[in-house]
Protein backbone atom coordinates (compact mmCIF):
# COMPACT_ATOMS: atom_id res chain seq x y z
CA MET A 1 -13.74 -33.01 25.27
CA SER A 2 -11.76 -29.98 24.13
CA ASN A 3 -12.86 -26.72 25.67
CA PRO A 4 -14.13 -24.15 23.11
CA THR A 5 -15.11 -21.62 25.76
CA HIS A 6 -11.75 -19.98 26.46
CA GLN A 7 -12.49 -17.01 24.28
CA ALA A 8 -12.10 -13.44 25.50
CA GLN A 9 -15.34 -11.53 25.75
CA LYS A 10 -15.34 -7.93 24.54
CA MET A 11 -16.70 -5.19 26.79
CA LEU A 12 -17.47 -1.58 26.00
CA LEU A 13 -16.23 0.86 28.65
CA PHE A 14 -18.06 4.14 29.17
CA GLY A 15 -18.37 6.95 31.70
CA LEU A 16 -21.42 8.31 33.48
CA SER A 17 -20.00 10.64 36.11
CA GLY A 18 -16.51 11.57 37.23
CA GLN A 19 -13.72 9.15 36.43
CA LYS A 20 -15.54 5.87 37.15
CA SER A 21 -15.77 3.42 34.26
CA PHE A 22 -18.74 1.17 33.59
CA ALA A 23 -19.06 -1.64 31.06
CA ILE A 24 -21.50 -3.75 29.10
CA GLY A 25 -20.77 -6.72 26.85
CA THR A 26 -20.38 -5.73 23.21
CA LEU A 27 -22.75 -8.52 22.13
CA LYS A 28 -25.52 -6.32 23.53
CA VAL A 29 -24.39 -3.29 21.50
CA ARG A 30 -25.94 -2.55 18.11
CA GLU A 31 -24.39 0.86 17.45
CA ILE A 32 -22.68 3.85 19.06
CA MET A 33 -23.60 7.29 17.76
CA PRO A 34 -23.73 10.98 18.67
CA LEU A 35 -26.95 12.15 20.31
CA PRO A 36 -29.54 12.33 17.49
CA LYS A 37 -32.57 14.56 17.29
CA LEU A 38 -35.10 13.27 19.80
CA THR A 39 -38.88 13.29 19.99
CA LYS A 40 -40.23 13.91 23.49
CA LEU A 41 -42.42 11.25 25.07
CA PRO A 42 -45.25 12.51 27.33
CA HIS A 43 -45.85 10.76 30.65
CA SER A 44 -42.59 8.80 30.42
CA HIS A 45 -40.09 8.00 33.17
CA PRO A 46 -37.93 11.06 34.04
CA SER A 47 -34.78 9.37 32.72
CA VAL A 48 -36.36 8.73 29.29
CA ILE A 49 -35.32 11.83 27.38
CA GLY A 50 -37.07 10.97 24.12
CA THR A 51 -37.18 8.58 21.17
CA THR A 52 -35.21 8.35 17.97
CA THR A 53 -35.48 6.28 14.82
CA PHE A 54 -32.94 3.50 14.46
CA ARG A 55 -32.99 1.37 11.31
CA GLY A 56 -36.65 2.16 10.75
CA SER A 57 -37.85 1.55 14.30
CA ALA A 58 -38.65 3.93 17.14
CA VAL A 59 -36.16 3.47 19.99
CA PRO A 60 -36.49 5.06 23.45
CA VAL A 61 -33.42 6.90 24.67
CA ILE A 62 -32.55 6.82 28.38
CA ASP A 63 -30.11 9.00 30.31
CA MET A 64 -28.33 6.05 31.91
CA GLY A 65 -26.64 8.14 34.60
CA ALA A 66 -29.94 9.68 35.69
CA ALA A 67 -31.59 6.25 35.71
CA VAL A 68 -29.06 4.89 38.21
CA GLY A 69 -29.00 7.95 40.47
CA TYR A 70 -26.51 10.45 39.04
CA PRO A 71 -27.58 14.03 38.19
CA PRO A 72 -29.19 14.22 34.73
CA LEU A 73 -26.96 15.47 31.94
CA THR A 74 -27.44 19.13 31.19
CA HIS A 75 -28.36 20.36 27.71
CA GLU A 76 -24.73 21.28 27.09
CA GLU A 77 -23.47 17.90 28.35
CA LEU A 78 -25.96 16.07 26.15
CA GLN A 79 -24.50 17.72 23.07
CA GLN A 80 -21.13 16.12 23.90
CA SER A 81 -22.57 12.73 24.86
CA SER A 82 -22.92 9.45 22.98
CA VAL A 83 -25.81 7.03 22.59
CA ILE A 84 -25.21 3.29 22.92
CA VAL A 85 -28.00 1.47 21.09
CA THR A 86 -28.45 -1.95 22.70
CA ASP A 87 -30.44 -5.08 22.03
CA VAL A 88 -31.45 -6.47 25.41
CA GLN A 89 -34.29 -8.86 26.24
CA ARG A 90 -35.80 -8.54 22.76
CA LYS A 91 -35.87 -4.72 22.99
CA GLU A 92 -33.78 -2.05 21.30
CA ILE A 93 -32.94 0.69 23.81
CA GLY A 94 -30.66 3.71 23.48
CA PHE A 95 -28.58 4.75 26.50
CA VAL A 96 -27.03 8.21 26.69
CA VAL A 97 -23.63 8.14 28.39
CA ARG A 98 -21.23 10.96 29.15
CA SER A 99 -18.37 9.33 27.26
CA VAL A 100 -17.48 6.16 25.39
CA ARG A 101 -13.96 5.13 26.34
CA GLN A 102 -12.71 1.91 24.77
CA ILE A 103 -13.42 -1.73 24.02
CA ILE A 104 -11.46 -4.27 26.04
CA GLU A 105 -11.18 -8.04 26.07
CA ALA A 106 -11.69 -9.91 29.33
CA ASP A 107 -12.34 -13.42 30.55
CA TRP A 108 -15.48 -13.69 32.69
CA LYS A 109 -13.37 -15.59 35.23
CA GLN A 110 -11.64 -12.27 35.92
CA VAL A 111 -14.96 -10.66 36.83
CA LYS A 112 -15.71 -10.68 40.57
CA ARG A 113 -19.16 -10.70 42.09
CA PRO A 114 -20.09 -7.36 43.69
CA PRO A 115 -20.00 -7.30 47.50
CA THR A 116 -23.38 -7.81 49.17
CA ALA A 117 -22.82 -4.52 51.02
CA LEU A 118 -23.75 -2.72 47.80
CA GLY A 119 -27.35 -3.84 48.37
CA LYS A 120 -30.08 -4.94 45.99
CA ARG A 121 -30.40 -1.50 44.43
CA ALA A 122 -26.86 -1.47 43.07
CA PHE A 123 -26.93 -1.54 39.27
CA VAL A 124 -23.82 -3.70 39.16
CA THR A 125 -23.50 -7.39 38.26
CA GLY A 126 -19.72 -7.65 38.52
CA LEU A 127 -16.40 -5.90 39.09
CA LEU A 128 -13.33 -6.12 36.87
CA ASP A 129 -9.85 -4.95 37.82
CA LEU A 130 -8.24 -3.40 34.74
CA ASP A 131 -4.68 -2.28 35.48
CA GLY A 132 -5.68 -1.12 38.95
CA GLU A 133 -8.93 0.53 37.86
CA VAL A 134 -12.17 -1.11 39.02
CA ILE A 135 -14.67 -1.41 36.18
CA GLN A 136 -18.34 -1.85 37.13
CA LEU A 137 -20.46 -4.07 34.89
CA MET A 138 -23.85 -2.45 34.46
CA ASP A 139 -26.96 -4.46 35.37
CA VAL A 140 -29.00 -3.34 32.37
CA GLU A 141 -31.90 -5.65 33.27
CA LEU A 142 -32.32 -4.04 36.70
CA LEU A 143 -32.08 -0.58 35.15
CA LEU A 144 -34.82 -1.37 32.63
CA SER A 145 -37.02 -2.87 35.34
CA MET A 146 -36.91 0.48 37.17
CA VAL A 147 -37.71 2.51 34.07
CA TYR A 148 -40.31 0.08 32.67
CA PRO A 149 -41.72 -1.89 35.66
CA SER A 150 -44.43 -3.54 33.57
CA ALA A 151 -41.84 -4.96 31.18
CA VAL A 152 -40.59 -7.47 33.77
CA GLU A 153 -44.02 -8.79 34.71
CA VAL A 154 -44.39 -12.43 33.73
CA ASP A 155 -47.29 -13.33 31.46
CA GLU A 156 -49.57 -16.13 32.59
CA VAL A 157 -48.85 -19.41 30.83
CA VAL A 158 -51.39 -22.22 30.63
CA LEU A 159 -50.12 -25.74 31.29
CA THR A 160 -52.14 -28.91 31.29
CA ASP A 161 -52.26 -30.92 34.53
CA VAL A 162 -50.00 -33.51 32.92
CA GLN A 163 -47.45 -30.89 31.85
CA ARG A 164 -47.43 -29.29 35.30
CA GLU A 165 -47.00 -32.61 37.09
CA THR A 166 -44.26 -33.58 34.63
CA LEU A 167 -42.25 -30.48 35.53
CA LYS A 168 -42.96 -30.90 39.26
CA SER A 169 -41.31 -34.31 39.12
CA LEU A 170 -38.02 -32.85 37.84
CA ASN A 171 -35.06 -31.34 39.67
CA ILE A 172 -34.64 -27.90 38.10
CA LEU A 173 -31.74 -25.51 38.70
CA LEU A 174 -31.94 -21.81 37.78
CA VAL A 175 -28.75 -19.73 37.54
CA ASP A 176 -28.61 -15.98 36.91
CA ASP A 177 -26.59 -13.13 38.37
CA SER A 178 -29.39 -10.60 37.70
CA GLN A 179 -31.90 -10.28 40.52
CA VAL A 180 -34.55 -9.21 37.99
CA ALA A 181 -33.99 -12.29 35.85
CA ARG A 182 -33.98 -14.57 38.90
CA LYS A 183 -37.33 -13.15 39.99
CA GLN A 184 -38.79 -13.64 36.51
CA LEU A 185 -37.59 -17.24 36.42
CA SER A 186 -38.84 -17.92 39.94
CA ASP A 187 -42.22 -16.30 39.32
CA VAL A 188 -42.84 -18.57 36.32
CA LEU A 189 -42.26 -21.74 38.34
CA ASP A 190 -43.84 -20.45 41.57
CA SER A 191 -47.06 -19.69 39.69
CA LYS A 192 -47.29 -23.41 38.79
CA ASP A 193 -46.10 -24.71 42.19
CA ILE A 194 -43.05 -26.22 40.49
CA PRO A 195 -40.09 -26.63 42.90
CA TYR A 196 -36.57 -25.62 41.91
CA PHE A 197 -33.10 -24.70 43.09
CA VAL A 198 -31.80 -21.19 42.36
CA THR A 199 -28.40 -19.54 42.62
CA THR A 200 -26.59 -16.43 41.42
CA ASN A 201 -23.47 -17.83 39.77
CA GLY A 202 -21.93 -20.74 37.89
CA ASP A 203 -19.54 -21.82 40.64
CA GLU A 204 -22.36 -22.34 43.13
CA ALA A 205 -24.49 -23.99 40.43
CA LEU A 206 -21.80 -26.56 39.72
CA GLN A 207 -21.47 -27.30 43.45
CA ILE A 208 -25.24 -27.74 43.76
CA MET A 209 -25.15 -30.19 40.86
CA LEU A 210 -22.33 -32.19 42.45
CA ASP A 211 -24.08 -32.21 45.83
CA THR A 212 -27.47 -33.26 44.48
CA ALA A 213 -25.85 -35.98 42.37
CA THR A 214 -24.14 -37.37 45.49
CA GLU A 215 -27.48 -37.30 47.32
CA GLY A 216 -29.11 -39.34 44.56
CA ARG A 217 -31.35 -36.56 43.23
CA PRO A 218 -29.42 -35.17 40.25
CA ILE A 219 -30.42 -32.04 38.36
CA ASP A 220 -32.60 -32.86 35.35
CA ILE A 221 -32.84 -29.39 33.82
CA LEU A 222 -30.28 -26.59 34.07
CA VAL A 223 -31.36 -23.08 33.06
CA SER A 224 -28.39 -20.73 33.08
CA ASP A 225 -27.57 -17.17 32.10
CA ILE A 226 -24.51 -16.77 29.87
CA GLU A 227 -22.78 -13.58 31.02
CA MET A 228 -21.94 -14.10 34.71
CA PRO A 229 -18.93 -13.29 36.91
CA GLY A 230 -16.62 -16.21 37.56
CA LEU A 231 -17.89 -19.33 35.81
CA ASP A 232 -20.02 -18.06 32.93
CA GLY A 233 -22.83 -20.03 31.30
CA TYR A 234 -20.68 -21.39 28.48
CA GLU A 235 -18.01 -22.65 30.85
CA LEU A 236 -20.63 -24.06 33.23
CA ALA A 237 -22.27 -26.02 30.41
CA PHE A 238 -18.87 -27.29 29.25
CA GLN A 239 -17.83 -28.40 32.74
CA VAL A 240 -21.14 -30.20 33.27
CA ARG A 241 -20.81 -32.03 29.95
CA ASP A 242 -17.20 -32.88 30.71
CA ASN A 243 -17.95 -34.36 34.15
CA SER A 244 -18.64 -38.07 33.93
CA SER A 245 -19.81 -38.22 37.56
CA LEU A 246 -22.87 -36.10 36.76
CA LYS A 247 -26.07 -37.43 35.29
CA GLN A 248 -26.32 -35.21 32.25
CA PRO A 249 -29.11 -32.62 32.48
CA TYR A 250 -30.99 -30.86 29.69
CA ILE A 251 -29.15 -27.53 29.46
CA ILE A 252 -30.96 -24.34 28.48
CA LEU A 253 -28.77 -21.24 28.18
CA HIS A 254 -31.04 -18.29 28.86
CA THR A 255 -29.63 -14.90 27.97
CA SER A 256 -30.47 -11.26 27.36
CA LEU A 257 -28.25 -11.50 24.26
CA ASN A 258 -30.17 -11.70 21.00
CA SER A 259 -27.42 -13.07 18.82
CA GLU A 260 -26.72 -15.98 16.47
CA MET A 261 -23.24 -15.99 18.00
CA SER A 262 -24.61 -16.91 21.45
CA VAL A 263 -26.56 -19.81 19.91
CA SER A 264 -23.46 -21.00 18.07
CA TYR A 265 -21.34 -20.96 21.23
CA ALA A 266 -24.15 -22.69 23.16
CA ASN A 267 -24.09 -25.57 20.70
CA GLN A 268 -20.30 -25.83 20.90
CA VAL A 269 -20.32 -26.30 24.70
CA GLY A 270 -23.07 -28.89 24.61
CA ALA A 271 -26.15 -26.89 25.58
CA ASN A 272 -29.41 -28.27 24.24
CA GLU A 273 -30.98 -24.86 23.62
CA ALA A 274 -30.26 -21.13 23.79
CA LEU A 275 -33.20 -18.81 24.48
CA THR A 276 -33.44 -15.03 24.55
CA LYS A 277 -34.98 -13.56 27.71
CA PHE A 278 -37.78 -13.30 28.52
CA ASP A 279 -40.67 -15.41 27.26
CA ALA A 280 -42.30 -17.58 29.91
CA GLU A 281 -44.15 -19.74 27.39
CA GLU A 282 -40.96 -20.38 25.42
CA LEU A 283 -39.03 -21.26 28.57
CA LEU A 284 -41.62 -23.72 29.90
CA GLN A 285 -41.92 -25.39 26.51
CA ALA A 286 -38.12 -25.81 26.45
CA MET A 287 -38.29 -27.41 29.90
CA LEU A 288 -40.99 -29.78 28.67
CA ARG A 289 -38.76 -30.75 25.74
CA GLY A 290 -36.09 -31.51 28.30
CA ALA A 291 -38.54 -33.65 30.27
CA GLU A 292 -39.23 -35.70 27.15
CA GLN A 293 -35.54 -36.60 26.94
CA LYS A 294 -35.34 -37.78 30.54
CA PRO A 295 -34.79 -41.57 30.54
């Protein structure tokens, strides 16, 4: 099986404070523009500085630096800033940044996991060494969960007894580098008393799959994020499909990207489905479709 996943991923570098560079994947970016005229929102989070209209829709605009703990941009600094309009988890959000620097190409294998010493409040999902400069990949999901706590709450999903017992009989593996996404995934299954394995990265996920296969309890359903340090979701799916020693699971790539491109790549590496985060009903129904294919 030829590997279609060795394709550089583009990242947008930007600054929030001082000389540090941060990055997000360009597949999340809809547009970059100067700060537009904003409408104030009463009773909003302090880092939400207003709303603007983008392609006919109202979009909240967040001072990203203030949201992650830097001093808010002053009025004068805002006039020199840029807004990155993103499409993340089915929402269009504008982020004000001090400066937009450049777009680079990088392989996710070059991205290192952040050290645990940074703690759970660090808004970083990975670190990339670019010619001696350490680039921090922004955890946009964690940031949004702080600004909009209700947005990450998981809606109750009704399953029949048969559906619940069907999923309880499966070995399910969840993989996501975002602590917010992992909690959402876990909450869905915990609420139905459905057991599962969970890990933060593709390398550990592949090892879990090899170990469970050796123990005679192979993974039936793999739910994986796409953008992860080290072994990303595309490469993980490819390596699983290319490994004849593994009983082949139903693979669901689960991503904050809302893009036809992510679906196309998912199909190329052998994933059964690609879903945009986060819809609990949609996810459970995909798992049930996977259960139907289990021999």
